[in-house]
PDB file of N, CA and C in Angstrom:
ATOM      1  N   UNK A   1     -11.416  16.091  14.690  1.00  0.00           N
ATOM      2  CA  UNK A   1     -11.974  14.944  15.220  1.00  0.00           C
ATOM      3  C   UNK A   1     -10.636  14.384  15.284  1.00  0.00           C
ATOM      4  N   UNK A   2      -9.608  14.247  14.309  1.00  0.00           N
ATOM      5  CA  UNK A   2      -8.569  13.487  13.802  1.00  0.00           C
ATOM      6  C   UNK A   2      -7.160  14.786  14.425  1.00  0.00           C
ATOM      7  N   UNK A   3      -6.303  13.406  14.727  1.00  0.00           N
ATOM      8  CA  UNK A   3      -5.334  14.648  15.385  1.00  0.00           C
ATOM      9  C   UNK A   3      -3.893  14.317  14.848  1.00  0.00           C
ATOM     10  N   UNK A   4      -4.219  13.430  14.336  1.00  0.00           N
ATOM     11  CA  UNK A   4      -2.566  12.798  13.998  1.00  0.00           C
ATOM     12  C   UNK A   4      -2.765  12.566  11.785  1.00  0.00           C
ATOM     13  N   UNK A   5      -4.093  12.013  11.953  1.00  0.00           N
ATOM     14  CA  UNK A   5      -4.110  11.724  10.290  1.00  0.00           C
ATOM     15  C   UNK A   5      -4.681  13.403   9.528  1.00  0.00           C
ATOM     16  N   UNK A   6      -4.613  14.349  10.022  1.00  0.00           N
ATOM     17  CA  UNK A   6      -5.407  15.317   8.759  1.00  0.00           C
ATOM     18  C   UNK A   6      -4.472  15.636   7.720  1.00  0.00           C
ATOM     19  N   UNK A   7      -4.628  15.519   6.323  1.00  0.00           N
ATOM     20  CA  UNK A   7      -4.161  15.677   5.620  1.00  0.00           C
ATOM     21  C   UNK A   7      -3.322  16.866   5.365  1.00  0.00           C
ATOM     22  N   UNK A   8      -2.275  16.978   5.873  1.00  0.00           N
ATOM     23  CA  UNK A   8      -1.191  18.619   5.723  1.00  0.00           C
ATOM     24  C   UNK A   8       0.020  18.315   4.276  1.00  0.00           C
ATOM     25  N   UNK A   9      -0.090  17.320   3.991  1.00  0.00           N
ATOM     26  CA  UNK A   9       0.649  16.692   2.600  1.00  0.00           C
ATOM     27  C   UNK A   9       0.171  17.766   1.713  1.00  0.00           C
ATOM     28  N   UNK A  10       1.053  18.232   0.503  1.00  0.00           N
ATOM     29  CA  UNK A  10       0.123  18.429  -0.881  1.00  0.00           C
ATOM     30  C   UNK A  10       0.130  17.323  -1.310  1.00  0.00           C
ATOM     31  N   UNK A  11      -1.416  17.882  -2.706  1.00  0.00           N
ATOM     32  CA  UNK A  11      -2.180  16.580  -2.945  1.00  0.00           C
ATOM     33  C   UNK A  11      -0.951  16.251  -4.037  1.00  0.00           C
ATOM     34  N   UNK A  12      -0.552  15.068  -4.232  1.00  0.00           N
ATOM     35  CA  UNK A  12      -0.143  14.243  -4.972  1.00  0.00           C
ATOM     36  C   UNK A  12       1.536  13.923  -4.473  1.00  0.00           C
ATOM     37  N   UNK A  13       1.913  15.199  -3.242  1.00  0.00           N
ATOM     38  CA  UNK A  13       2.718  14.829  -2.381  1.00  0.00           C
ATOM     39  C   UNK A  13       3.263  13.069  -2.349  1.00  0.00           C
ATOM     40  N   UNK A  14       4.940  12.556  -2.239  1.00  0.00           N
ATOM     41  CA  UNK A  14       5.134  11.600  -1.628  1.00  0.00           C
ATOM     42  C   UNK A  14       6.625  11.690  -0.227  1.00  0.00           C
ATOM     43  N   UNK A  15       6.836  10.538  -0.161  1.00  0.00           N
ATOM     44  CA  UNK A  15       7.638  10.972   0.563  1.00  0.00           C
ATOM     45  C   UNK A  15       8.415   9.142   1.157  1.00  0.00           C
ATOM     46  N   UNK A  16       9.235   9.282   1.419  1.00  0.00           N
ATOM     47  CA  UNK A  16       9.841   7.634   1.309  1.00  0.00           C
ATOM     48  C   UNK A  16      10.608   7.859   3.012  1.00  0.00           C
ATOM     49  N   UNK A  17      10.511   6.499   3.706  1.00  0.00           N
ATOM     50  CA  UNK A  17      10.399   6.690   4.765  1.00  0.00           C
ATOM     51  C   UNK A  17      11.367   5.023   5.259  1.00  0.00           C
ATOM     52  N   UNK A  18      12.514   5.506   5.857  1.00  0.00           N
ATOM     53  CA  UNK A  18      12.813   3.793   6.014  1.00  0.00           C
ATOM     54  C   UNK A  18      12.743   3.322   7.241  1.00  0.00           C
ATOM     55  N   UNK A  19      11.546   2.411   7.414  1.00  0.00           N
ATOM     56  CA  UNK A  19      11.959   1.680   8.805  1.00  0.00           C
ATOM     57  C   UNK A  19      12.834   0.693   9.386  1.00  0.00           C
ATOM     58  N   UNK A  20      14.043   0.699   9.938  1.00  0.00           N
ATOM     59  CA  UNK A  20      15.093  -0.310  10.605  1.00  0.00           C
ATOM     60  C   UNK A  20      14.091  -1.174  11.191  1.00  0.00           C
ATOM     61  N   UNK A  21      14.177  -2.868  10.581  1.00  0.00           N
ATOM     62  CA  UNK A  21      13.505  -3.438  12.564  1.00  0.00           C
ATOM     63  C   UNK A  21      13.990  -4.754  11.610  1.00  0.00           C
ATOM     64  N   UNK A  22      14.703  -5.073  13.453  1.00  0.00           N
ATOM     65  CA  UNK A  22      15.440  -6.149  14.323  1.00  0.00           C
ATOM     66  C   UNK A  22      14.612  -7.216  14.831  1.00  0.00           C
ATOM     67  N   UNK A  23      15.154  -8.037  14.898  1.00  0.00           N
ATOM     68  CA  UNK A  23      14.200  -9.602  15.806  1.00  0.00           C
ATOM     69  C   UNK A  23      12.822  -9.136  15.431  1.00  0.00           C
ATOM     70  N   UNK A  24      12.100  -8.554  14.209  1.00  0.00           N
ATOM     71  CA  UNK A  24      10.445  -8.405  14.438  1.00  0.00           C
ATOM     72  C   UNK A  24      10.004  -7.149  14.932  1.00  0.00           C
ATOM     73  N   UNK A  25      11.091  -6.018  15.411  1.00  0.00           N
ATOM     74  CA  UNK A  25      10.293  -4.902  15.925  1.00  0.00           C
ATOM     75  C   UNK A  25      11.489  -3.491  15.509  1.00  0.00           C
ATOM     76  N   UNK A  26      10.452  -2.520  14.845  1.00  0.00           N
ATOM     77  CA  UNK A  26      11.150  -1.407  14.790  1.00  0.00           C
ATOM     78  C   UNK A  26      12.017  -0.283  15.634  1.00  0.00           C
ATOM     79  N   UNK A  27      13.041  -0.474  15.291  1.00  0.00           N
ATOM     80  CA  UNK A  27      14.042   0.508  15.765  1.00  0.00           C
ATOM     81  C   UNK A  27      14.892   1.756  15.331  1.00  0.00           C
ATOM     82  N   UNK A  28      14.965   1.904  13.763  1.00  0.00           N
ATOM     83  CA  UNK A  28      15.471   3.140  13.755  1.00  0.00           C
ATOM     84  C   UNK A  28      14.923   3.507  12.568  1.00  0.00           C
ATOM     85  N   UNK A  29      14.149   5.196  12.621  1.00  0.00           N
ATOM     86  CA  UNK A  29      13.290   5.646  11.411  1.00  0.00           C
ATOM     87  C   UNK A  29      14.365   6.220  10.511  1.00  0.00           C
ATOM     88  N   UNK A  30      14.806   6.322   8.959  1.00  0.00           N
ATOM     89  CA  UNK A  30      15.785   6.682   8.284  1.00  0.00           C
ATOM     90  C   UNK A  30      17.361   6.501   8.583  1.00  0.00           C
ATOM     91  N   UNK A  31      17.687   5.940   9.022  1.00  0.00           N
ATOM     92  CA  UNK A  31      18.738   5.040   9.528  1.00  0.00           C
ATOM     93  C   UNK A  31      19.191   5.810  11.394  1.00  0.00           C
ATOM     94  N   UNK A  32      17.426   6.491  11.735  1.00  0.00           N
ATOM     95  CA  UNK A  32      18.916   7.159  13.300  1.00  0.00           C
ATOM     96  C   UNK A  32      17.426   6.544  14.013  1.00  0.00           C
ATOM     97  N   UNK A  33      18.866   5.203  15.364  1.00  0.00           N
ATOM     98  CA  UNK A  33      17.789   4.980  16.624  1.00  0.00           C
ATOM     99  C   UNK A  33      17.007   5.349  17.405  1.00  0.00           C
ATOM    100  N   UNK A  34      16.160   4.623  17.027  1.00  0.00           N
ATOM    101  CA  UNK A  34      15.425   5.338  18.325  1.00  0.00           C
ATOM    102  C   UNK A  34      14.383   4.646  19.738  1.00  0.00           C
ATOM    103  N   UNK A  35      13.814   5.496  20.398  1.00  0.00           N
ATOM    104  CA  UNK A  35      13.348   3.842  21.332  1.00  0.00           C
ATOM    105  C   UNK A  35      12.262   3.864  21.167  1.00  0.00           C
ATOM    106  N   UNK A  36      10.642   2.824  20.855  1.00  0.00           N
ATOM    107  CA  UNK A  36       9.498   2.593  20.744  1.00  0.00           C
ATOM    108  C   UNK A  36       8.468   3.813  20.264  1.00  0.00           C
ATOM    109  N   UNK A  37       8.925   4.321  21.581  1.00  0.00           N
ATOM    110  CA  UNK A  37       8.098   5.381  21.377  1.00  0.00           C
ATOM    111  C   UNK A  37       8.026   7.133  20.924  1.00  0.00           C
ATOM    112  N   UNK A  38       9.105   7.317  20.687  1.00  0.00           N
ATOM    113  CA  UNK A  38       9.474   7.989  19.940  1.00  0.00           C
ATOM    114  C   UNK A  38       9.531   7.741  18.269  1.00  0.00           C
ATOM    115  N   UNK A  39       9.958   6.769  17.671  1.00  0.00           N
ATOM    116  CA  UNK A  39       9.576   5.851  16.534  1.00  0.00           C
ATOM    117  C   UNK A  39       7.863   6.170  16.038  1.00  0.00           C
ATOM    118  N   UNK A  40       7.279   6.050  17.083  1.00  0.00           N
ATOM    119  CA  UNK A  40       6.075   5.626  16.875  1.00  0.00           C
ATOM    120  C   UNK A  40       4.852   7.208  16.778  1.00  0.00           C
ATOM    121  N   UNK A  41       6.284   7.982  17.375  1.00  0.00           N
ATOM    122  CA  UNK A  41       4.997   9.212  17.512  1.00  0.00           C
ATOM    123  C   UNK A  41       5.565  10.287  16.536  1.00  0.00           C
ATOM    124  N   UNK A  42       7.017  10.018  15.828  1.00  0.00           N
ATOM    125  CA  UNK A  42       6.856  10.126  14.526  1.00  0.00           C
ATOM    126  C   UNK A  42       6.695  10.064  13.503  1.00  0.00           C
ATOM    127  N   UNK A  43       6.443   8.638  13.596  1.00  0.00           N
ATOM    128  CA  UNK A  43       5.596   7.842  12.715  1.00  0.00           C
ATOM    129  C   UNK A  43       3.491   8.440  12.423  1.00  0.00           C
ATOM    130  N   UNK A  44       3.229   9.223  13.450  1.00  0.00           N
ATOM    131  CA  UNK A  44       2.074   9.069  13.482  1.00  0.00           C
ATOM    132  C   UNK A  44       1.862  10.317  13.055  1.00  0.00           C
ATOM    133  N   UNK A  45       3.056  11.322  13.045  1.00  0.00           N
ATOM    134  CA  UNK A  45       3.183  12.581  12.621  1.00  0.00           C
ATOM    135  C   UNK A  45       3.314  12.471  11.160  1.00  0.00           C
ATOM    136  N   UNK A  46       4.306  11.896  10.499  1.00  0.00           N
ATOM    137  CA  UNK A  46       5.098  11.422   9.239  1.00  0.00           C
ATOM    138  C   UNK A  46       3.585  11.119   8.060  1.00  0.00           C
ATOM    139  N   UNK A  47       2.883   9.884   9.096  1.00  0.00           N
ATOM    140  CA  UNK A  47       2.530   9.408   8.143  1.00  0.00           C
ATOM    141  C   UNK A  47       0.623   9.633   7.477  1.00  0.00           C
ATOM    142  N   UNK A  48       0.647  10.167   9.190  1.00  0.00           N
ATOM    143  CA  UNK A  48      -0.388  11.179   9.324  1.00  0.00           C
ATOM    144  C   UNK A  48      -0.424  11.809   8.531  1.00  0.00           C
ATOM    145  N   UNK A  49       0.019  13.000   7.907  1.00  0.00           N
ATOM    146  CA  UNK A  49       0.275  13.726   7.299  1.00  0.00           C
ATOM    147  C   UNK A  49      -1.054  13.593   5.790  1.00  0.00           C
ATOM    148  N   UNK A  50      -0.564  12.522   5.596  1.00  0.00           N
ATOM    149  CA  UNK A  50      -0.915  11.801   4.138  1.00  0.00           C
ATOM    150  C   UNK A  50      -2.448  11.283   4.533  1.00  0.00           C
ATOM    151  N   UNK A  51      -3.225  11.777   5.377  1.00  0.00           N
ATOM    152  CA  UNK A  51      -4.052  10.907   5.879  1.00  0.00           C
ATOM    153  C   UNK A  51      -4.558   9.749   5.936  1.00  0.00           C
ATOM    154  N   UNK A  52      -3.834   8.676   6.070  1.00  0.00           N
ATOM    155  CA  UNK A  52      -3.704   7.318   6.265  1.00  0.00           C
ATOM    156  C   UNK A  52      -3.636   6.375   7.445  1.00  0.00           C
ATOM    157  N   UNK A  53      -4.008   5.617   8.213  1.00  0.00           N
ATOM    158  CA  UNK A  53      -4.572   5.499   9.390  1.00  0.00           C
ATOM    159  C   UNK A  53      -5.522   5.330   9.918  1.00  0.00           C
ATOM    160  N   UNK A  54      -6.767   5.813   9.427  1.00  0.00           N
ATOM    161  CA  UNK A  54      -7.663   5.704   9.910  1.00  0.00           C
ATOM    162  C   UNK A  54      -9.055   4.890  10.200  1.00  0.00           C
ATOM    163  N   UNK A  55      -9.375   4.328  11.294  1.00  0.00           N
ATOM    164  CA  UNK A  55     -10.127   3.600  10.957  1.00  0.00           C
ATOM    165  C   UNK A  55     -11.824   3.671  11.449  1.00  0.00           C
ATOM    166  N   UNK A  56     -12.552   3.154  10.811  1.00  0.00           N
ATOM    167  CA  UNK A  56     -14.119   3.262  11.137  1.00  0.00           C
ATOM    168  C   UNK A  56     -14.727   1.905  11.021  1.00  0.00           C
ATOM    169  N   UNK A  57     -15.786   1.465  11.965  1.00  0.00           N
ATOM    170  CA  UNK A  57     -16.427   0.492  12.078  1.00  0.00           C
ATOM    171  C   UNK A  57     -17.354   0.536  13.299  1.00  0.00           C
ATOM    172  N   UNK A  58     -18.389  -0.561  13.234  1.00  0.00           N
ATOM    173  CA  UNK A  58     -19.287  -0.685  14.623  1.00  0.00           C
ATOM    174  C   UNK A  58     -19.080  -1.747  15.197  1.00  0.00           C
ATOM    175  N   UNK A  59     -19.333  -1.255  16.897  1.00  0.00           N
ATOM    176  CA  UNK A  59     -18.414  -1.750  17.776  1.00  0.00           C
ATOM    177  C   UNK A  59     -19.867  -2.472  18.137  1.00  0.00           C
ATOM    178  N   UNK A  60     -19.950  -3.493  19.024  1.00  0.00           N
ATOM    179  CA  UNK A  60     -20.745  -4.466  19.185  1.00  0.00           C
ATOM    180  C   UNK A  60     -20.757  -4.140  21.294  1.00  0.00           C
ATOM    181  N   UNK A  61     -22.197  -3.204  21.533  1.00  0.00           N
ATOM    182  CA  UNK A  61     -22.156  -2.878  22.956  1.00  0.00           C
ATOM    183  C   UNK A  61     -22.952  -4.281  23.493  1.00  0.00           C
ATOM    184  N   UNK A  62     -23.400  -4.397  24.623  1.00  0.00           N
ATOM    185  CA  UNK A  62     -24.042  -5.336  25.477  1.00  0.00           C
ATOM    186  C   UNK A  62     -25.890  -5.349  25.198  1.00  0.00           C
ATOM    187  N   UNK A  63     -26.437  -6.144  24.908  1.00  0.00           N
ATOM    188  CA  UNK A  63     -28.423  -5.435  24.374  1.00  0.00           C
ATOM    189  C   UNK A  63     -27.962  -5.732  23.383  1.00  0.00           C
ATOM    190  N   UNK A  64     -27.227  -5.524  22.164  1.00  0.00           N
ATOM    191  CA  UNK A  64     -26.989  -5.838  21.052  1.00  0.00           C
ATOM    192  C   UNK A  64     -27.415  -4.430  20.375  1.00  0.00           C
ATOM    193  N   UNK A  65     -26.862  -3.498  21.395  1.00  0.00           N
ATOM    194  CA  UNK A  65     -26.324  -1.805  21.048  1.00  0.00           C
ATOM    195  C   UNK A  65     -25.290  -1.653  20.111  1.00  0.00           C
ATOM    196  N   UNK A  66     -24.925  -1.145  18.864  1.00  0.00           N
ATOM    197  CA  UNK A  66     -24.178  -1.066  18.727  1.00  0.00           C
ATOM    198  C   UNK A  66     -23.642   0.180  18.384  1.00  0.00           C
ATOM    199  N   UNK A  67     -22.526   0.958  18.088  1.00  0.00           N
ATOM    200  CA  UNK A  67     -21.768   2.529  18.197  1.00  0.00           C
ATOM    201  C   UNK A  67     -20.314   2.503  17.545  1.00  0.00           C
ATOM    202  N   UNK A  68     -20.945   3.400  16.531  1.00  0.00           N
ATOM    203  CA  UNK A  68     -19.736   4.175  15.332  1.00  0.00           C
ATOM    204  C   UNK A  68     -18.488   4.465  16.234  1.00  0.00           C
ATOM    205  N   UNK A  69     -18.292   3.624  15.974  1.00  0.00           N
ATOM    206  CA  UNK A  69     -16.375   3.694  16.300  1.00  0.00           C
ATOM    207  C   UNK A  69     -14.773   4.501  15.201  1.00  0.00           C
ATOM    208  N   UNK A  70     -14.525   5.440  16.096  1.00  0.00           N
ATOM    209  CA  UNK A  70     -13.904   6.158  14.705  1.00  0.00           C
ATOM    210  C   UNK A  70     -12.282   6.091  15.431  1.00  0.00           C
ATOM    211  N   UNK A  71     -11.191   5.868  15.111  1.00  0.00           N
ATOM    212  CA  UNK A  71      -9.911   5.603  15.341  1.00  0.00           C
ATOM    213  C   UNK A  71      -9.118   6.258  14.239  1.00  0.00           C
ATOM    214  N   UNK A  72      -7.680   6.854  15.136  1.00  0.00           N
ATOM    215  CA  UNK A  72      -6.341   7.455  14.033  1.00  0.00           C
ATOM    216  C   UNK A  72      -5.598   6.195  14.948  1.00  0.00           C
ATOM    217  N   UNK A  73      -4.681   5.713  13.565  1.00  0.00           N
ATOM    218  CA  UNK A  73      -3.219   4.994  13.363  1.00  0.00           C
ATOM    219  C   UNK A  73      -2.581   4.842  12.670  1.00  0.00           C
ATOM    220  N   UNK A  74      -1.331   5.683  12.471  1.00  0.00           N
ATOM    221  CA  UNK A  74      -1.246   5.895  11.306  1.00  0.00           C
ATOM    222  C   UNK A  74       0.152   5.378  11.597  1.00  0.00           C
ATOM    223  N   UNK A  75       0.620   5.301  12.751  1.00  0.00           N
ATOM    224  CA  UNK A  75       2.038   4.660  13.154  1.00  0.00           C
ATOM    225  C   UNK A  75       1.785   2.811  12.755  1.00  0.00           C
ATOM    226  N   UNK A  76       0.483   2.922  13.626  1.00  0.00           N
ATOM    227  CA  UNK A  76       0.130   0.915  13.438  1.00  0.00           C
ATOM    228  C   UNK A  76      -0.519   0.593  12.325  1.00  0.00           C
ATOM    229  N   UNK A  77      -0.445   1.958  10.988  1.00  0.00           N
ATOM    230  CA  UNK A  77      -1.063   1.139   9.730  1.00  0.00           C
ATOM    231  C   UNK A  77       0.211   0.603   9.244  1.00  0.00           C
ATOM    232  N   UNK A  78       0.602   1.981   8.874  1.00  0.00           N
ATOM    233  CA  UNK A  78       2.115   1.375   8.396  1.00  0.00           C
ATOM    234  C   UNK A  78       3.060   0.196   9.127  1.00  0.00           C
ATOM    235  N   UNK A  79       3.628   0.178  10.632  1.00  0.00           N
ATOM    236  CA  UNK A  79       4.093  -0.583  10.816  1.00  0.00           C
ATOM    237  C   UNK A  79       3.042  -2.364  10.536  1.00  0.00           C
ATOM    238  N   UNK A  80       1.918  -2.778  10.461  1.00  0.00           N
ATOM    239  CA  UNK A  80       1.037  -3.288  10.561  1.00  0.00           C
ATOM    240  C   UNK A  80       1.602  -3.806   9.136  1.00  0.00           C
ATOM    241  N   UNK A  81       1.216  -2.755   8.257  1.00  0.00           N
ATOM    242  CA  UNK A  81       1.469  -3.155   7.012  1.00  0.00           C
ATOM    243  C   UNK A  81       2.734  -3.951   6.042  1.00  0.00           C
ATOM    244  N   UNK A  82       3.785  -3.122   6.496  1.00  0.00           N
ATOM    245  CA  UNK A  82       5.216  -3.773   6.808  1.00  0.00           C
ATOM    246  C   UNK A  82       5.294  -5.379   6.763  1.00  0.00           C
ATOM    247  N   UNK A  83       5.358  -5.309   8.118  1.00  0.00           N
ATOM    248  CA  UNK A  83       4.664  -6.566   9.040  1.00  0.00           C
ATOM    249  C   UNK A  83       4.285  -7.650   7.966  1.00  0.00           C
ATOM    250  N   UNK A  84       3.158  -7.563   7.251  1.00  0.00           N
ATOM    251  CA  UNK A  84       2.438  -8.068   6.137  1.00  0.00           C
ATOM    252  C   UNK A  84       3.541  -8.645   5.053  1.00  0.00           C
ATOM    253  N   UNK A  85       3.847  -7.759   4.691  1.00  0.00           N
ATOM    254  CA  UNK A  85       4.845  -7.511   3.175  1.00  0.00           C
ATOM    255  C   UNK A  85       6.162  -8.018   3.615  1.00  0.00           C
ATOM    256  N   UNK A  86       6.532  -8.340   4.924  1.00  0.00           N
ATOM    257  CA  UNK A  86       7.620  -8.877   5.137  1.00  0.00           C
ATOM    258  C   UNK A  86       7.516 -10.205   5.291  1.00  0.00           C
ATOM    259  N   UNK A  87       6.099 -10.649   6.071  1.00  0.00           N
ATOM    260  CA  UNK A  87       5.435 -11.921   6.267  1.00  0.00           C
ATOM    261  C   UNK A  87       5.125 -12.694   4.958  1.00  0.00           C
ATOM    262  N   UNK A  88       5.153 -12.091   3.994  1.00  0.00           N
ATOM    263  CA  UNK A  88       4.346 -12.868   2.230  1.00  0.00           C
ATOM    264  C   UNK A  88       6.344 -12.964   1.875  1.00  0.00           C
TER     265      UNK A  88
END
């Protein structure tokens, strides 16, 4: 079901990532400047290896119907968490 957020890292493993943000935009990963699409692609794989960035919830449809919605967004999870930290 998940493509990016399948845990592949060893249990208890850690990894240090450095995301450089300029003017509110991520511009580099571990010191390497990258176009945003490439940075997101790399983050999806690296963050997803730890099973992070999964979302499940109910989506409300017309006529009161609900559907289970399952998504994965490892890069977005990390970047949004980073922005919240910077805002504090």
